[in-house]
Protein backbone atom coordinates (compact mmCIF):
# COMPACT_ATOMS: atom_id res chain seq x y z
CA UNK A 1 -2.49 22.74 -10.11
CA UNK A 2 1.21 21.85 -10.09
CA UNK A 3 1.85 24.21 -7.18
CA UNK A 4 -0.99 22.63 -5.22
CA UNK A 5 0.32 19.12 -5.92
CA UNK A 6 3.85 20.14 -4.94
CA UNK A 7 2.73 21.70 -1.63
CA UNK A 8 0.62 18.63 -0.81
CA UNK A 9 3.54 16.34 -1.66
CA UNK A 10 5.91 18.24 0.65
CA UNK A 11 3.39 18.12 3.49
CA UNK A 12 2.87 14.38 2.93
CA UNK A 13 6.61 13.71 3.02
CA UNK A 14 6.98 15.68 6.26
CA UNK A 15 4.06 13.87 7.90
CA UNK A 16 5.40 10.49 6.72
CA UNK A 17 8.87 11.31 8.07
CA UNK A 18 7.48 12.29 11.48
CA UNK A 19 5.25 9.22 11.61
CA UNK A 20 8.03 6.80 10.74
CA UNK A 21 10.66 8.52 12.89
CA UNK A 22 8.77 8.05 16.14
CA UNK A 23 7.66 4.50 15.36
CA UNK A 24 5.77 2.47 17.96
CA UNK A 25 2.37 3.77 18.98
CA UNK A 26 2.66 6.85 16.76
CA UNK A 27 3.26 4.86 13.57
CA UNK A 28 0.61 2.29 14.50
CA UNK A 29 -1.99 4.97 15.26
CA UNK A 30 -1.30 6.93 12.07
CA UNK A 31 -1.34 3.80 9.88
CA UNK A 32 -4.60 2.73 11.52
CA UNK A 33 -6.09 6.16 10.76
CA UNK A 34 -4.81 6.01 7.17
CA UNK A 35 -6.26 2.50 6.80
CA UNK A 36 -9.64 3.62 8.15
CA UNK A 37 -9.78 6.51 5.67
CA UNK A 38 -8.69 4.24 2.82
CA UNK A 39 -11.26 1.64 3.82
CA UNK A 40 -13.93 4.35 3.88
CA UNK A 41 -12.88 5.50 0.40
CA UNK A 42 -13.19 1.97 -0.95
CA UNK A 43 -16.54 1.35 0.76
CA UNK A 44 -17.86 4.68 -0.53
CA UNK A 45 -17.49 3.44 -4.11
CA UNK A 46 -20.10 0.79 -3.34
CA UNK A 47 -22.18 3.10 -1.11
CA UNK A 48 -21.42 1.03 1.96
CA UNK A 49 -19.33 3.53 3.95
CA UNK A 50 -22.19 4.72 6.18
CA UNK A 51 -24.07 1.44 6.45
CA UNK A 52 -23.85 -1.28 9.07
CA UNK A 53 -21.65 -3.45 6.90
CA UNK A 54 -19.20 -0.55 6.64
CA UNK A 55 -19.19 0.00 10.39
CA UNK A 56 -18.24 -3.66 10.86
CA UNK A 57 -15.30 -3.09 8.49
CA UNK A 58 -14.12 -0.07 10.51
CA UNK A 59 -14.32 -2.01 13.77
CA UNK A 60 -12.40 -4.94 12.25
CA UNK A 61 -9.67 -2.57 11.02
CA UNK A 62 -9.25 -1.05 14.49
CA UNK A 63 -9.16 -4.47 16.16
CA UNK A 64 -6.60 -5.66 13.61
CA UNK A 65 -4.23 -2.82 14.53
CA UNK A 66 -4.83 -3.39 18.23
CA UNK A 67 -3.76 -7.02 17.74
CA UNK A 68 -0.54 -6.23 15.88
CA UNK A 69 0.36 -3.42 18.31
CA UNK A 70 -0.17 -5.55 21.40
CA UNK A 71 1.70 -8.49 19.87
CA UNK A 72 -1.26 -10.87 19.64
CA UNK A 73 -0.39 -11.97 16.11
CA UNK A 74 -1.96 -15.37 16.75
CA UNK A 75 -5.36 -13.63 16.79
CA UNK A 76 -5.03 -12.06 13.34
CA UNK A 77 -6.30 -14.99 11.28
CA UNK A 78 -9.19 -15.72 13.70
CA UNK A 79 -10.06 -12.02 13.48
CA UNK A 80 -10.32 -12.25 9.68
CA UNK A 81 -12.55 -15.30 9.97
CA UNK A 82 -14.75 -13.57 12.56
CA UNK A 83 -14.94 -10.49 10.37
CA UNK A 84 -16.15 -12.55 7.43
CA UNK A 85 -18.71 -14.26 9.66
CA UNK A 86 -19.87 -10.87 11.01
CA UNK A 87 -20.30 -9.50 7.49
CA UNK A 88 -22.22 -12.61 6.45
CA UNK A 89 -24.39 -12.27 9.57
CA UNK A 90 -25.29 -8.71 8.56
CA UNK A 91 -25.94 -10.00 5.04
CA UNK A 92 -28.41 -12.72 6.05
CA UNK A 93 -30.11 -10.89 8.93
CA UNK A 94 -30.86 -7.84 6.79
CA UNK A 95 -31.57 -9.70 3.54
CA UNK A 96 -32.23 -8.46 0.86
CA UNK A 97 -30.71 -5.09 1.85
CA UNK A 98 -27.28 -6.26 0.68
CA UNK A 99 -26.22 -8.52 -2.14
CA UNK A 100 -23.27 -10.87 -2.56
CA UNK A 101 -21.20 -8.20 -4.35
CA UNK A 102 -21.56 -5.93 -1.31
CA UNK A 103 -20.16 -8.70 0.89
CA UNK A 104 -17.14 -9.18 -1.36
CA UNK A 105 -16.59 -5.41 -1.53
CA UNK A 106 -16.71 -5.15 2.27
CA UNK A 107 -14.20 -7.96 2.79
CA UNK A 108 -11.91 -6.60 0.09
CA UNK A 109 -12.01 -3.11 1.62
CA UNK A 110 -10.80 -4.45 4.97
CA UNK A 111 -8.15 -6.77 3.56
CA UNK A 112 -6.98 -4.70 0.58
CA UNK A 113 -6.51 -1.54 2.63
CA UNK A 114 -6.28 -2.25 6.36
CA UNK A 115 -4.36 -5.52 6.35
CA UNK A 116 -2.00 -4.66 3.49
CA UNK A 117 -1.09 -1.18 4.78
CA UNK A 118 -0.38 -2.56 8.26
CA UNK A 119 2.89 -3.97 6.91
CA UNK A 120 4.32 -0.44 6.89
CA UNK A 121 4.05 -0.51 10.69
CA UNK A 122 5.33 -4.09 10.89
CA UNK A 123 8.48 -3.19 8.93
CA UNK A 124 9.01 -0.08 11.07
CA UNK A 125 8.70 -2.28 14.15
CA UNK A 126 11.61 -4.51 13.04
CA UNK A 127 15.18 -4.13 14.23
CA UNK A 128 16.61 -1.16 12.29
CA UNK A 129 13.05 -0.65 11.08
CA UNK A 130 13.48 3.12 10.69
CA UNK A 131 15.97 2.40 7.90
CA UNK A 132 14.35 -0.74 6.47
CA UNK A 133 10.97 0.95 6.06
CA UNK A 134 12.60 3.31 3.53
CA UNK A 135 12.84 0.29 1.20
CA UNK A 136 9.12 0.66 0.55
CA UNK A 137 9.68 4.09 -0.95
CA UNK A 138 12.96 3.16 -2.63
CA UNK A 139 11.18 0.38 -4.50
CA UNK A 140 7.84 2.11 -5.12
CA UNK A 141 9.04 5.63 -5.95
CA UNK A 142 12.20 4.35 -7.64
CA UNK A 143 10.12 2.12 -9.87
CA UNK A 144 7.69 4.95 -10.73
CA UNK A 145 10.48 7.40 -11.58
CA UNK A 146 12.60 4.98 -13.62
CA UNK A 147 9.57 3.57 -15.43
CA UNK A 148 8.49 7.09 -16.38
CA UNK A 149 11.95 8.08 -17.65
CA UNK A 150 12.53 4.87 -19.62
CA UNK A 151 8.98 4.91 -20.97
CA UNK A 152 9.36 8.49 -22.16
CA UNK A 153 12.71 7.72 -23.77
CA UNK A 154 12.16 4.38 -25.53
CA UNK A 155 8.65 3.19 -24.67
CA UNK A 156 6.91 1.75 -27.74
CA UNK A 157 4.99 -1.34 -26.65
CA UNK A 158 1.89 -0.55 -24.58
CA UNK A 159 1.52 -2.68 -21.47
CA UNK A 160 -2.19 -2.14 -20.87
CA UNK A 161 -3.46 0.29 -23.53
CA UNK A 162 -7.11 0.30 -22.45
CA UNK A 163 -6.34 0.76 -18.77
CA UNK A 164 -3.23 2.93 -18.79
CA UNK A 165 -2.23 4.07 -22.31
CA UNK A 166 0.94 5.81 -21.14
CA UNK A 167 2.52 2.75 -19.49
CA UNK A 168 4.84 0.70 -21.70
CA UNK A 169 6.57 -2.67 -21.45
CA UNK A 170 9.91 -0.87 -21.76
CA UNK A 171 8.91 1.38 -18.87
CA UNK A 172 7.93 -1.64 -16.79
CA UNK A 173 11.31 -3.30 -17.34
CA UNK A 174 13.15 -0.03 -16.77
CA UNK A 175 11.27 0.54 -13.52
CA UNK A 176 12.12 -2.91 -12.19
CA UNK A 177 15.80 -2.58 -13.09
CA UNK A 178 15.87 0.97 -11.70
CA UNK A 179 14.35 -0.15 -8.40
CA UNK A 180 16.91 -2.96 -8.27
CA UNK A 181 19.81 -0.55 -8.81
CA UNK A 182 18.50 1.80 -6.13
CA UNK A 183 18.07 -1.22 -3.86
CA UNK A 184 21.74 -2.12 -4.41
CA UNK A 185 22.78 1.43 -3.47
CA UNK A 186 20.56 1.16 -0.41
CA UNK A 187 22.25 -2.15 0.49
CA UNK A 188 25.72 -0.64 0.13
CA UNK A 189 24.82 2.23 2.47
CA UNK A 190 23.06 -0.12 4.89
CA UNK A 191 26.10 -2.39 5.02
CA UNK A 192 28.46 0.49 5.78
CA UNK A 193 26.41 2.63 8.14
CA UNK A 194 23.74 0.46 9.79
CA UNK A 195 24.66 -3.23 10.06
CA UNK A 196 26.98 -5.47 8.09
CA UNK A 197 25.16 -8.12 6.09
CA UNK A 198 26.78 -10.60 3.74
CA UNK A 199 26.01 -9.68 0.10
CA UNK A 200 23.82 -6.76 1.25
CA UNK A 201 23.82 -4.90 -2.10
CA UNK A 202 22.71 -8.06 -3.93
CA UNK A 203 20.00 -8.88 -1.38
CA UNK A 204 18.58 -5.37 -1.31
CA UNK A 205 18.76 -5.16 -5.10
CA UNK A 206 16.62 -8.30 -5.28
CA UNK A 207 14.18 -6.87 -2.73
CA UNK A 208 13.90 -3.58 -4.61
CA UNK A 209 13.39 -5.22 -8.00
CA UNK A 210 10.95 -7.93 -6.87
CA UNK A 211 8.84 -5.47 -4.84
CA UNK A 212 8.59 -3.17 -7.86
CA UNK A 213 6.45 -5.74 -9.69
CA UNK A 214 3.51 -5.70 -7.23
CA UNK A 215 3.84 -1.90 -7.10
CA UNK A 216 2.88 -1.80 -10.78
CA UNK A 217 0.05 -4.27 -10.21
CA UNK A 218 -1.24 -2.18 -7.30
CA UNK A 219 -1.17 0.98 -9.38
CA UNK A 220 -3.03 -0.62 -12.28
CA UNK A 221 -5.50 -2.38 -9.99
CA UNK A 222 -6.42 0.91 -8.34
CA UNK A 223 -6.91 2.46 -11.79
CA UNK A 224 -9.05 -0.48 -12.92
CA UNK A 225 -11.35 -0.14 -9.92
CA UNK A 226 -11.80 3.58 -10.62
CA UNK A 227 -12.54 2.94 -14.29
CA UNK A 228 -15.04 0.19 -13.47
CA UNK A 229 -16.90 2.60 -11.23
CA UNK A 230 -16.50 5.75 -13.36
CA UNK A 231 -14.65 7.84 -10.78
CA UNK A 232 -11.60 10.05 -11.24
CA UNK A 233 -10.22 9.90 -7.69
CA UNK A 234 -10.98 7.91 -4.57
CA UNK A 235 -11.32 11.08 -2.52
CA UNK A 236 -10.39 14.74 -2.06
CA UNK A 237 -8.44 14.53 1.18
CA UNK A 238 -5.10 15.43 -0.42
CA UNK A 239 -5.40 18.55 -2.62
CA UNK A 240 -4.10 17.91 -6.12
CA UNK A 241 -3.62 14.19 -5.47
CA UNK A 242 -7.02 12.78 -4.54
CA UNK A 243 -7.61 10.38 -1.68
CA UNK A 244 -5.51 8.04 0.42
CA UNK A 245 -5.89 5.21 -2.10
CA UNK A 246 -4.76 7.48 -4.93
CA UNK A 247 -1.42 8.05 -3.16
CA UNK A 248 -0.94 4.67 -1.47
CA UNK A 249 -2.05 2.39 -4.32
CA UNK A 250 1.44 1.02 -5.07
CA UNK A 251 2.56 0.97 -1.42
CA UNK A 252 -0.44 -1.23 -0.53
CA UNK A 253 1.18 -4.08 -2.47
CA UNK A 254 4.84 -3.15 -2.02
CA UNK A 255 4.85 -3.11 1.81
CA UNK A 256 3.79 -6.74 2.44
CA UNK A 257 6.12 -8.10 -0.25
CA UNK A 258 9.08 -6.20 1.19
CA UNK A 259 8.19 -7.35 4.70
CA UNK A 260 8.33 -11.02 3.78
CA UNK A 261 11.42 -10.60 1.60
CA UNK A 262 13.20 -9.00 4.56
CA UNK A 263 12.05 -11.82 6.86
CA UNK A 264 13.19 -14.61 4.56
CA UNK A 265 16.30 -13.02 3.01
CA UNK A 266 17.71 -11.22 6.04
């Protein structure tokens, strides 16, 4: 099992590196594909993935990526409104095939997966985006690693015992501080090798630490959804790891927060 997980992890890192290196259409296409798979995984929980309401969600996801790739950002909010109207149209025209919970699940699948993951592409599309996009992983993976190490060493107070018994308050704090420290190191390197920014280590430390908080929320939220629906993994696409949502759960929340922190702080 460990060998399988390790091989899958290496392949994922290589694919992610290639995707982010080329940027542009390559990154947009791959993130759109990842979003479609993740949306399908979420819809499948509610048995909507092969129904008309699911097809509308897939179409909306594709159109969303077309808009951000072509630069028509002014159409994004109208697209969300139209998507909601389209889902409601399916709801009322096929009543009582679907219920109100199906409608909320369909909208959440599109927004929670497609919209949130699109910020990986948006960060990559920034100036020096190839470097800045690494902040997502510095914050997310740095938080996970530091939280695990601190939790193992001194963790005593359970953060959410019924949802995730192994996570502790000490681990949470350690993860946030660890992500902040790694962010500061990132800022130091960025300042010296990419572009000089006033107080770069402090700014990137703040970005790393703040973005670590939604990473934890994303991880726990994904676990809560699985527990509510009595499933172990969202899918079987990645051997030893599960589905797209099992691997991207923290990134889903980290990417948009980092994007806006970069916009407003840099």
